Amino acid sequence: MSWLNDINWDQMFTAFIETIYMSSVSLFFTIIFGLIIGILLFVTNSQGLIVNKFLNKITDLIVNILRAVPFIILMIILIPFTQALVGSMLGASAALPSLIFAASPFYARLCCIAFMEVDKGTIEASKAMGASNWQIITKVLLPESFPALVSGACVTAISLISYTAMAGAIGSGGLGNLAYQYGFVRRNDAILYTATAIITLIVLGLQWLSDYLAAKIDKR
């Protein structure tokens, strides 16, 4: 096990904490923005609660464009915005804006799909009983789609872990940066494979948590 001596474990732990920090903070804001965008897409469609084809098309176009841009390119495009917001383009905090911009449209689309699966009869019954649009969203739409929303959040979290690894290639910190800068560039296989293994374990843990929560929440 002499290869273990080639690893700075304090550095590895710091990179692990940075990955968790980037993923958790960006996931928190992604869920908020993704839900808002997903609800907007759902309620403004041709069969929605507040039909607005123009707003729906514009929102849908923005979501599709952001989803189409590769994450590395998105990070580069957002460098001026990131520098203005965070004060630097390097470090874990500097990765947050691009992580949120990349993941929010993805989660918004998952939210919209979850809302589409809600029984339309339940929504119509709520309308017939005089429920307002806000009440339908908060009392019917969100509770009925909650299991799918949780599963979508877990899928998004896994995607964010992958994004943080890619962000490491341009100096965001975290396990991706450690694997690239100290593993690949400096030809230290111990760091490269250990950091990769830890990222894999995080993803497997999130997948297990997703399956566990889905089984507990979904009572159908």
C-alpha atoms as a PDB file:
ATOM      1  CA  MET A   1       0.000   0.000   0.000  1.00  0.00           C
ATOM      2  CA  SER A   2       2.948   2.312  -0.585  1.00  0.00           C
ATOM      3  CA  TRP A   3       0.875   4.309  -3.083  1.00  0.00           C
ATOM      4  CA  LEU A   4      -1.076   5.717  -0.132  1.00  0.00           C
ATOM      5  CA  ASN A   5       2.019   7.713   0.764  1.00  0.00           C
ATOM      6  CA  ASP A   6       1.609   9.643  -2.495  1.00  0.00           C
ATOM      7  CA  ILE A   7      -1.699  11.118  -1.265  1.00  0.00           C
ATOM      8  CA  ASN A   8      -1.987  14.255   0.840  1.00  0.00           C
ATOM      9  CA  TRP A   9      -5.049  13.266   2.862  1.00  0.00           C
ATOM     10  CA  ASP A  10      -5.609  16.757   4.262  1.00  0.00           C
ATOM     11  CA  GLN A  11      -5.732  18.023   0.690  1.00  0.00           C
ATOM     12  CA  MET A  12      -8.065  15.178  -0.287  1.00  0.00           C
ATOM     13  CA  PHE A  13     -10.408  15.959   2.623  1.00  0.00           C
ATOM     14  CA  THR A  14     -10.451  19.661   1.733  1.00  0.00           C
ATOM     15  CA  ALA A  15     -11.313  18.773  -1.872  1.00  0.00           C
ATOM     16  CA  PHE A  16     -14.080  16.470  -0.631  1.00  0.00           C
ATOM     17  CA  ILE A  17     -15.568  19.263   1.494  1.00  0.00           C
ATOM     18  CA  GLU A  18     -15.389  21.653  -1.470  1.00  0.00           C
ATOM     19  CA  THR A  19     -17.246  19.156  -3.672  1.00  0.00           C
ATOM     20  CA  ILE A  20     -19.964  18.701  -1.034  1.00  0.00           C
ATOM     21  CA  TYR A  21     -20.183  22.480  -0.580  1.00  0.00           C
ATOM     22  CA  MET A  22     -20.524  23.195  -4.305  1.00  0.00           C
ATOM     23  CA  SER A  23     -23.057  20.399  -4.817  1.00  0.00           C
ATOM     24  CA  SER A  24     -25.258  21.147  -1.797  1.00  0.00           C
ATOM     25  CA  VAL A  25     -25.403  24.937  -2.181  1.00  0.00           C
ATOM     26  CA  SER A  26     -26.030  24.761  -5.925  1.00  0.00           C
ATOM     27  CA  LEU A  27     -28.654  22.024  -5.401  1.00  0.00           C
ATOM     28  CA  PHE A  28     -30.508  24.212  -2.883  1.00  0.00           C
ATOM     29  CA  PHE A  29     -30.813  27.120  -5.330  1.00  0.00           C
ATOM     30  CA  THR A  30     -31.413  24.774  -8.269  1.00  0.00           C
ATOM     31  CA  ILE A  31     -34.452  23.282  -6.534  1.00  0.00           C
ATOM     32  CA  ILE A  32     -35.860  26.750  -5.840  1.00  0.00           C
ATOM     33  CA  PHE A  33     -35.297  28.139  -9.350  1.00  0.00           C
ATOM     34  CA  GLY A  34     -36.138  24.843 -11.037  1.00  0.00           C
ATOM     35  CA  LEU A  35     -39.467  24.604  -9.216  1.00  0.00           C
ATOM     36  CA  ILE A  36     -40.381  28.174 -10.138  1.00  0.00           C
ATOM     37  CA  ILE A  37     -39.505  27.649 -13.803  1.00  0.00           C
ATOM     38  CA  GLY A  38     -41.202  24.234 -13.881  1.00  0.00           C
ATOM     39  CA  ILE A  39     -44.409  25.632 -12.398  1.00  0.00           C
ATOM     40  CA  LEU A  40     -44.287  28.528 -14.867  1.00  0.00           C
ATOM     41  CA  LEU A  41     -43.918  26.116 -17.787  1.00  0.00           C
ATOM     42  CA  PHE A  42     -46.799  23.977 -16.535  1.00  0.00           C
ATOM     43  CA  VAL A  43     -49.349  26.649 -15.661  1.00  0.00           C
ATOM     44  CA  THR A  44     -48.825  28.664 -18.877  1.00  0.00           C
ATOM     45  CA  ASN A  45     -49.101  25.775 -21.366  1.00  0.00           C
ATOM     46  CA  SER A  46     -52.134  25.305 -23.605  1.00  0.00           C
ATOM     47  CA  GLN A  47     -53.921  23.201 -20.953  1.00  0.00           C
ATOM     48  CA  GLY A  48     -52.538  25.012 -17.909  1.00  0.00           C
ATOM     49  CA  LEU A  49     -54.119  27.084 -15.182  1.00  0.00           C
ATOM     50  CA  ILE A  50     -53.036  30.417 -16.670  1.00  0.00           C
ATOM     51  CA  VAL A  51     -52.697  29.911 -20.421  1.00  0.00           C
ATOM     52  CA  ASN A  52     -50.074  32.253 -21.860  1.00  0.00           C
ATOM     53  CA  LYS A  53     -48.536  30.865 -25.033  1.00  0.00           C
ATOM     54  CA  PHE A  54     -46.042  33.724 -25.461  1.00  0.00           C
ATOM     55  CA  LEU A  55     -44.615  33.427 -21.940  1.00  0.00           C
ATOM     56  CA  ASN A  56     -44.611  29.644 -22.220  1.00  0.00           C
ATOM     57  CA  LYS A  57     -42.702  29.680 -25.512  1.00  0.00           C
ATOM     58  CA  ILE A  58     -40.132  32.203 -24.234  1.00  0.00           C
ATOM     59  CA  THR A  59     -39.538  30.248 -21.018  1.00  0.00           C
ATOM     60  CA  ASP A  60     -39.346  26.984 -22.929  1.00  0.00           C
ATOM     61  CA  LEU A  61     -36.827  28.480 -25.374  1.00  0.00           C
ATOM     62  CA  ILE A  62     -34.586  29.775 -22.569  1.00  0.00           C
ATOM     63  CA  VAL A  63     -34.697  26.377 -20.829  1.00  0.00           C
ATOM     64  CA  ASN A  64     -33.811  24.560 -24.043  1.00  0.00           C
ATOM     65  CA  ILE A  65     -30.936  26.920 -24.859  1.00  0.00           C
ATOM     66  CA  LEU A  66     -29.393  26.618 -21.388  1.00  0.00           C
ATOM     67  CA  ARG A  67     -29.741  22.829 -21.494  1.00  0.00           C
ATOM     68  CA  ALA A  68     -28.103  22.709 -24.923  1.00  0.00           C
ATOM     69  CA  VAL A  69     -24.963  24.649 -23.951  1.00  0.00           C
ATOM     70  CA  PRO A  70     -22.146  22.333 -22.746  1.00  0.00           C
ATOM     71  CA  PHE A  71     -21.276  22.989 -19.106  1.00  0.00           C
ATOM     72  CA  ILE A  72     -17.635  23.912 -19.738  1.00  0.00           C
ATOM     73  CA  ILE A  73     -18.727  26.457 -22.370  1.00  0.00           C
ATOM     74  CA  LEU A  74     -21.366  27.835 -19.998  1.00  0.00           C
ATOM     75  CA  MET A  75     -18.715  28.355 -17.305  1.00  0.00           C
ATOM     76  CA  ILE A  76     -16.554  30.309 -19.753  1.00  0.00           C
ATOM     77  CA  ILE A  77     -19.498  32.433 -20.947  1.00  0.00           C
ATOM     78  CA  LEU A  78     -20.441  33.251 -17.349  1.00  0.00           C
ATOM     79  CA  ILE A  79     -16.921  34.295 -16.276  1.00  0.00           C
ATOM     80  CA  PRO A  80     -17.728  38.066 -16.361  1.00  0.00           C
ATOM     81  CA  PHE A  81     -20.954  37.484 -14.416  1.00  0.00           C
ATOM     82  CA  THR A  82     -19.153  35.217 -11.927  1.00  0.00           C
ATOM     83  CA  GLN A  83     -16.353  37.735 -11.373  1.00  0.00           C
ATOM     84  CA  ALA A  84     -18.886  40.518 -10.801  1.00  0.00           C
ATOM     85  CA  LEU A  85     -20.903  38.382  -8.383  1.00  0.00           C
ATOM     86  CA  VAL A  86     -18.184  36.489  -6.492  1.00  0.00           C
ATOM     87  CA  GLY A  87     -15.092  38.576  -7.208  1.00  0.00           C
ATOM     88  CA  SER A  88     -13.099  35.718  -8.714  1.00  0.00           C
ATOM     89  CA  MET A  89     -13.329  33.011 -11.357  1.00  0.00           C
ATOM     90  CA  LEU A  90     -11.380  30.524  -9.226  1.00  0.00           C
ATOM     91  CA  GLY A  91     -12.469  28.536  -6.187  1.00  0.00           C
ATOM     92  CA  ALA A  92     -15.536  26.623  -5.064  1.00  0.00           C
ATOM     93  CA  SER A  93     -17.794  29.666  -4.706  1.00  0.00           C
ATOM     94  CA  ALA A  94     -16.925  30.825  -8.225  1.00  0.00           C
ATOM     95  CA  ALA A  95     -18.378  27.590  -9.620  1.00  0.00           C
ATOM     96  CA  LEU A  96     -21.795  28.145  -8.022  1.00  0.00           C
ATOM     97  CA  PRO A  97     -23.347  30.519 -10.613  1.00  0.00           C
ATOM     98  CA  SER A  98     -22.572  28.240 -13.560  1.00  0.00           C
ATOM     99  CA  LEU A  99     -23.657  25.141 -11.611  1.00  0.00           C
ATOM    100  CA  ILE A 100     -27.002  26.767 -10.819  1.00  0.00           C
ATOM    101  CA  PHE A 101     -27.452  28.043 -14.391  1.00  0.00           C
ATOM    102  CA  ALA A 102     -26.713  24.587 -15.785  1.00  0.00           C
ATOM    103  CA  ALA A 103     -28.807  22.530 -13.354  1.00  0.00           C
ATOM    104  CA  SER A 104     -31.892  24.743 -12.916  1.00  0.00           C
ATOM    105  CA  PRO A 105     -33.261  24.210 -16.469  1.00  0.00           C
ATOM    106  CA  PHE A 106     -32.593  20.487 -16.136  1.00  0.00           C
ATOM    107  CA  TYR A 107     -34.545  20.272 -12.868  1.00  0.00           C
ATOM    108  CA  ALA A 108     -37.256  22.570 -14.247  1.00  0.00           C
ATOM    109  CA  ARG A 109     -37.868  20.103 -17.067  1.00  0.00           C
ATOM    110  CA  LEU A 110     -38.072  17.220 -14.576  1.00  0.00           C
ATOM    111  CA  CYS A 111     -40.547  19.243 -12.494  1.00  0.00           C
ATOM    112  CA  CYS A 112     -42.704  19.946 -15.536  1.00  0.00           C
ATOM    113  CA  ILE A 113     -42.770  16.232 -16.391  1.00  0.00           C
ATOM    114  CA  ALA A 114     -43.751  15.438 -12.783  1.00  0.00           C
ATOM    115  CA  PHE A 115     -46.601  17.981 -12.921  1.00  0.00           C
ATOM    116  CA  MET A 116     -47.845  16.511 -16.199  1.00  0.00           C
ATOM    117  CA  GLU A 117     -48.280  13.154 -14.458  1.00  0.00           C
ATOM    118  CA  VAL A 118     -50.679  14.588 -11.859  1.00  0.00           C
ATOM    119  CA  ASP A 119     -54.238  13.350 -12.452  1.00  0.00           C
ATOM    120  CA  LYS A 120     -56.035  16.076 -14.402  1.00  0.00           C
ATOM    121  CA  GLY A 121     -59.309  14.965 -12.817  1.00  0.00           C
ATOM    122  CA  THR A 122     -57.975  15.979  -9.393  1.00  0.00           C
ATOM    123  CA  ILE A 123     -57.085  19.421 -10.701  1.00  0.00           C
ATOM    124  CA  GLU A 124     -60.468  19.831 -12.383  1.00  0.00           C
ATOM    125  CA  ALA A 125     -62.239  18.752  -9.196  1.00  0.00           C
ATOM    126  CA  SER A 126     -60.287  21.365  -7.239  1.00  0.00           C
ATOM    127  CA  LYS A 127     -61.321  24.035  -9.748  1.00  0.00           C
ATOM    128  CA  ALA A 128     -64.965  22.947  -9.468  1.00  0.00           C
ATOM    129  CA  MET A 129     -64.800  23.352  -5.682  1.00  0.00           C
ATOM    130  CA  GLY A 130     -63.645  26.938  -6.099  1.00  0.00           C
ATOM    131  CA  ALA A 131     -59.934  26.537  -5.344  1.00  0.00           C
ATOM    132  CA  SER A 132     -57.712  29.376  -6.560  1.00  0.00           C
ATOM    133  CA  ASN A 133     -54.771  28.768  -8.854  1.00  0.00           C
ATOM    134  CA  TRP A 134     -52.383  29.284  -5.915  1.00  0.00           C
ATOM    135  CA  GLN A 135     -54.298  26.742  -3.832  1.00  0.00           C
ATOM    136  CA  ILE A 136     -54.250  24.229  -6.691  1.00  0.00           C
ATOM    137  CA  ILE A 137     -50.473  24.642  -7.042  1.00  0.00           C
ATOM    138  CA  THR A 138     -49.694  24.410  -3.314  1.00  0.00           C
ATOM    139  CA  LYS A 139     -52.401  21.958  -2.182  1.00  0.00           C
ATOM    140  CA  VAL A 140     -52.737  19.681  -5.219  1.00  0.00           C
ATOM    141  CA  LEU A 141     -49.936  20.003  -7.756  1.00  0.00           C
ATOM    142  CA  LEU A 142     -46.923  19.995  -5.422  1.00  0.00           C
ATOM    143  CA  PRO A 143     -48.165  17.325  -2.962  1.00  0.00           C
ATOM    144  CA  GLU A 144     -49.319  14.981  -5.748  1.00  0.00           C
ATOM    145  CA  SER A 145     -46.039  15.265  -7.618  1.00  0.00           C
ATOM    146  CA  PHE A 146     -43.823  15.273  -4.506  1.00  0.00           C
ATOM    147  CA  PRO A 147     -42.323  11.748  -4.978  1.00  0.00           C
ATOM    148  CA  ALA A 148     -41.333  12.574  -8.559  1.00  0.00           C
ATOM    149  CA  LEU A 149     -39.940  15.954  -7.470  1.00  0.00           C
ATOM    150  CA  VAL A 150     -37.749  14.275  -4.834  1.00  0.00           C
ATOM    151  CA  SER A 151     -36.500  11.699  -7.336  1.00  0.00           C
ATOM    152  CA  GLY A 152     -35.774  14.490  -9.796  1.00  0.00           C
ATOM    153  CA  ALA A 153     -33.835  16.395  -7.146  1.00  0.00           C
ATOM    154  CA  CYS A 154     -31.687  13.318  -6.483  1.00  0.00           C
ATOM    155  CA  VAL A 155     -31.028  12.870 -10.215  1.00  0.00           C
ATOM    156  CA  THR A 156     -30.095  16.553 -10.417  1.00  0.00           C
ATOM    157  CA  ALA A 157     -27.766  16.182  -7.420  1.00  0.00           C
ATOM    158  CA  ILE A 158     -25.932  13.365  -9.213  1.00  0.00           C
ATOM    159  CA  SER A 159     -25.604  15.556 -12.304  1.00  0.00           C
ATOM    160  CA  LEU A 160     -24.223  18.377 -10.148  1.00  0.00           C
ATOM    161  CA  ILE A 161     -21.514  16.064  -8.806  1.00  0.00           C
ATOM    162  CA  SER A 162     -20.476  15.436 -12.420  1.00  0.00           C
ATOM    163  CA  TYR A 163     -20.570  19.169 -13.139  1.00  0.00           C
ATOM    164  CA  THR A 164     -18.306  19.933 -10.149  1.00  0.00           C
ATOM    165  CA  ALA A 165     -15.799  17.388 -11.466  1.00  0.00           C
ATOM    166  CA  MET A 166     -15.789  19.139 -14.861  1.00  0.00           C
ATOM    167  CA  ALA A 167     -15.569  22.546 -13.195  1.00  0.00           C
ATOM    168  CA  GLY A 168     -12.381  21.360 -11.509  1.00  0.00           C
ATOM    169  CA  ALA A 169     -10.640  21.411 -14.879  1.00  0.00           C
ATOM    170  CA  ILE A 170     -10.659  25.232 -14.825  1.00  0.00           C
ATOM    171  CA  GLY A 171      -9.818  25.734 -11.174  1.00  0.00           C
ATOM    172  CA  SER A 172     -13.053  25.550  -9.191  1.00  0.00           C
ATOM    173  CA  GLY A 173     -11.554  23.314  -6.526  1.00  0.00           C
ATOM    174  CA  GLY A 174     -13.049  20.077  -5.286  1.00  0.00           C
ATOM    175  CA  LEU A 175     -12.230  16.495  -6.151  1.00  0.00           C
ATOM    176  CA  GLY A 176     -12.386  17.154  -9.895  1.00  0.00           C
ATOM    177  CA  ASN A 177      -9.721  19.852  -9.642  1.00  0.00           C
ATOM    178  CA  LEU A 178      -7.588  17.621  -7.414  1.00  0.00           C
ATOM    179  CA  ALA A 179      -7.879  14.678  -9.815  1.00  0.00           C
ATOM    180  CA  TYR A 180      -6.938  16.838 -12.782  1.00  0.00           C
ATOM    181  CA  GLN A 181      -4.282  19.194 -11.385  1.00  0.00           C
ATOM    182  CA  TYR A 182      -2.539  16.862  -8.950  1.00  0.00           C
ATOM    183  CA  GLY A 183      -3.466  13.496 -10.448  1.00  0.00           C
ATOM    184  CA  PHE A 184      -3.511  13.767 -14.235  1.00  0.00           C
ATOM    185  CA  VAL A 185      -1.227  16.765 -14.856  1.00  0.00           C
ATOM    186  CA  ARG A 186       1.406  15.648 -12.313  1.00  0.00           C
ATOM    187  CA  ARG A 187       0.974  11.965 -13.235  1.00  0.00           C
ATOM    188  CA  ASN A 188       0.072  10.918  -9.700  1.00  0.00           C
ATOM    189  CA  ASP A 189      -2.160   7.908 -10.268  1.00  0.00           C
ATOM    190  CA  ALA A 190      -2.845   7.482  -6.547  1.00  0.00           C
ATOM    191  CA  ILE A 191      -4.529  10.898  -6.334  1.00  0.00           C
ATOM    192  CA  LEU A 192      -6.278  10.485  -9.692  1.00  0.00           C
ATOM    193  CA  TYR A 193      -7.860   7.136  -8.885  1.00  0.00           C
ATOM    194  CA  THR A 194      -8.619   7.921  -5.228  1.00  0.00           C
ATOM    195  CA  ALA A 195     -10.400  11.178  -6.072  1.00  0.00           C
ATOM    196  CA  THR A 196     -12.314   9.388  -8.834  1.00  0.00           C
ATOM    197  CA  ALA A 197     -13.269   6.588  -6.437  1.00  0.00           C
ATOM    198  CA  ILE A 198     -14.581   9.095  -3.868  1.00  0.00           C
ATOM    199  CA  ILE A 199     -16.671  10.879  -6.518  1.00  0.00           C
ATOM    200  CA  THR A 200     -18.064   7.495  -7.573  1.00  0.00           C
ATOM    201  CA  LEU A 201     -18.937   6.620  -3.967  1.00  0.00           C
ATOM    202  CA  ILE A 202     -20.742   9.955  -3.546  1.00  0.00           C
ATOM    203  CA  VAL A 203     -22.794   9.270  -6.683  1.00  0.00           C
ATOM    204  CA  LEU A 204     -23.607   5.715  -5.544  1.00  0.00           C
ATOM    205  CA  GLY A 205     -24.633   7.054  -2.136  1.00  0.00           C
ATOM    206  CA  LEU A 206     -26.943   9.609  -3.728  1.00  0.00           C
ATOM    207  CA  GLN A 207     -28.467   6.941  -5.958  1.00  0.00           C
ATOM    208  CA  TRP A 208     -29.129   4.733  -2.931  1.00  0.00           C
ATOM    209  CA  LEU A 209     -30.675   7.703  -1.093  1.00  0.00           C
ATOM    210  CA  SER A 210     -32.851   8.440  -4.137  1.00  0.00           C
ATOM    211  CA  ASP A 211     -34.157   4.871  -4.269  1.00  0.00           C
ATOM    212  CA  TYR A 212     -34.733   4.808  -0.505  1.00  0.00           C
ATOM    213  CA  LEU A 213     -36.641   8.103  -0.437  1.00  0.00           C
ATOM    214  CA  ALA A 214     -38.706   7.126  -3.479  1.00  0.00           C
ATOM    215  CA  ALA A 215     -39.758   3.897  -1.759  1.00  0.00           C
ATOM    216  CA  LYS A 216     -40.634   5.724   1.467  1.00  0.00           C
ATOM    217  CA  ILE A 217     -42.484   8.670  -0.056  1.00  0.00           C
ATOM    218  CA  ASP A 218     -44.381   7.053  -2.921  1.00  0.00           C
ATOM    219  CA  LYS A 219     -47.425   5.358  -1.369  1.00  0.00           C
ATOM    220  CA  ARG A 220     -49.066   4.383  -4.670  1.00  0.00           C
END
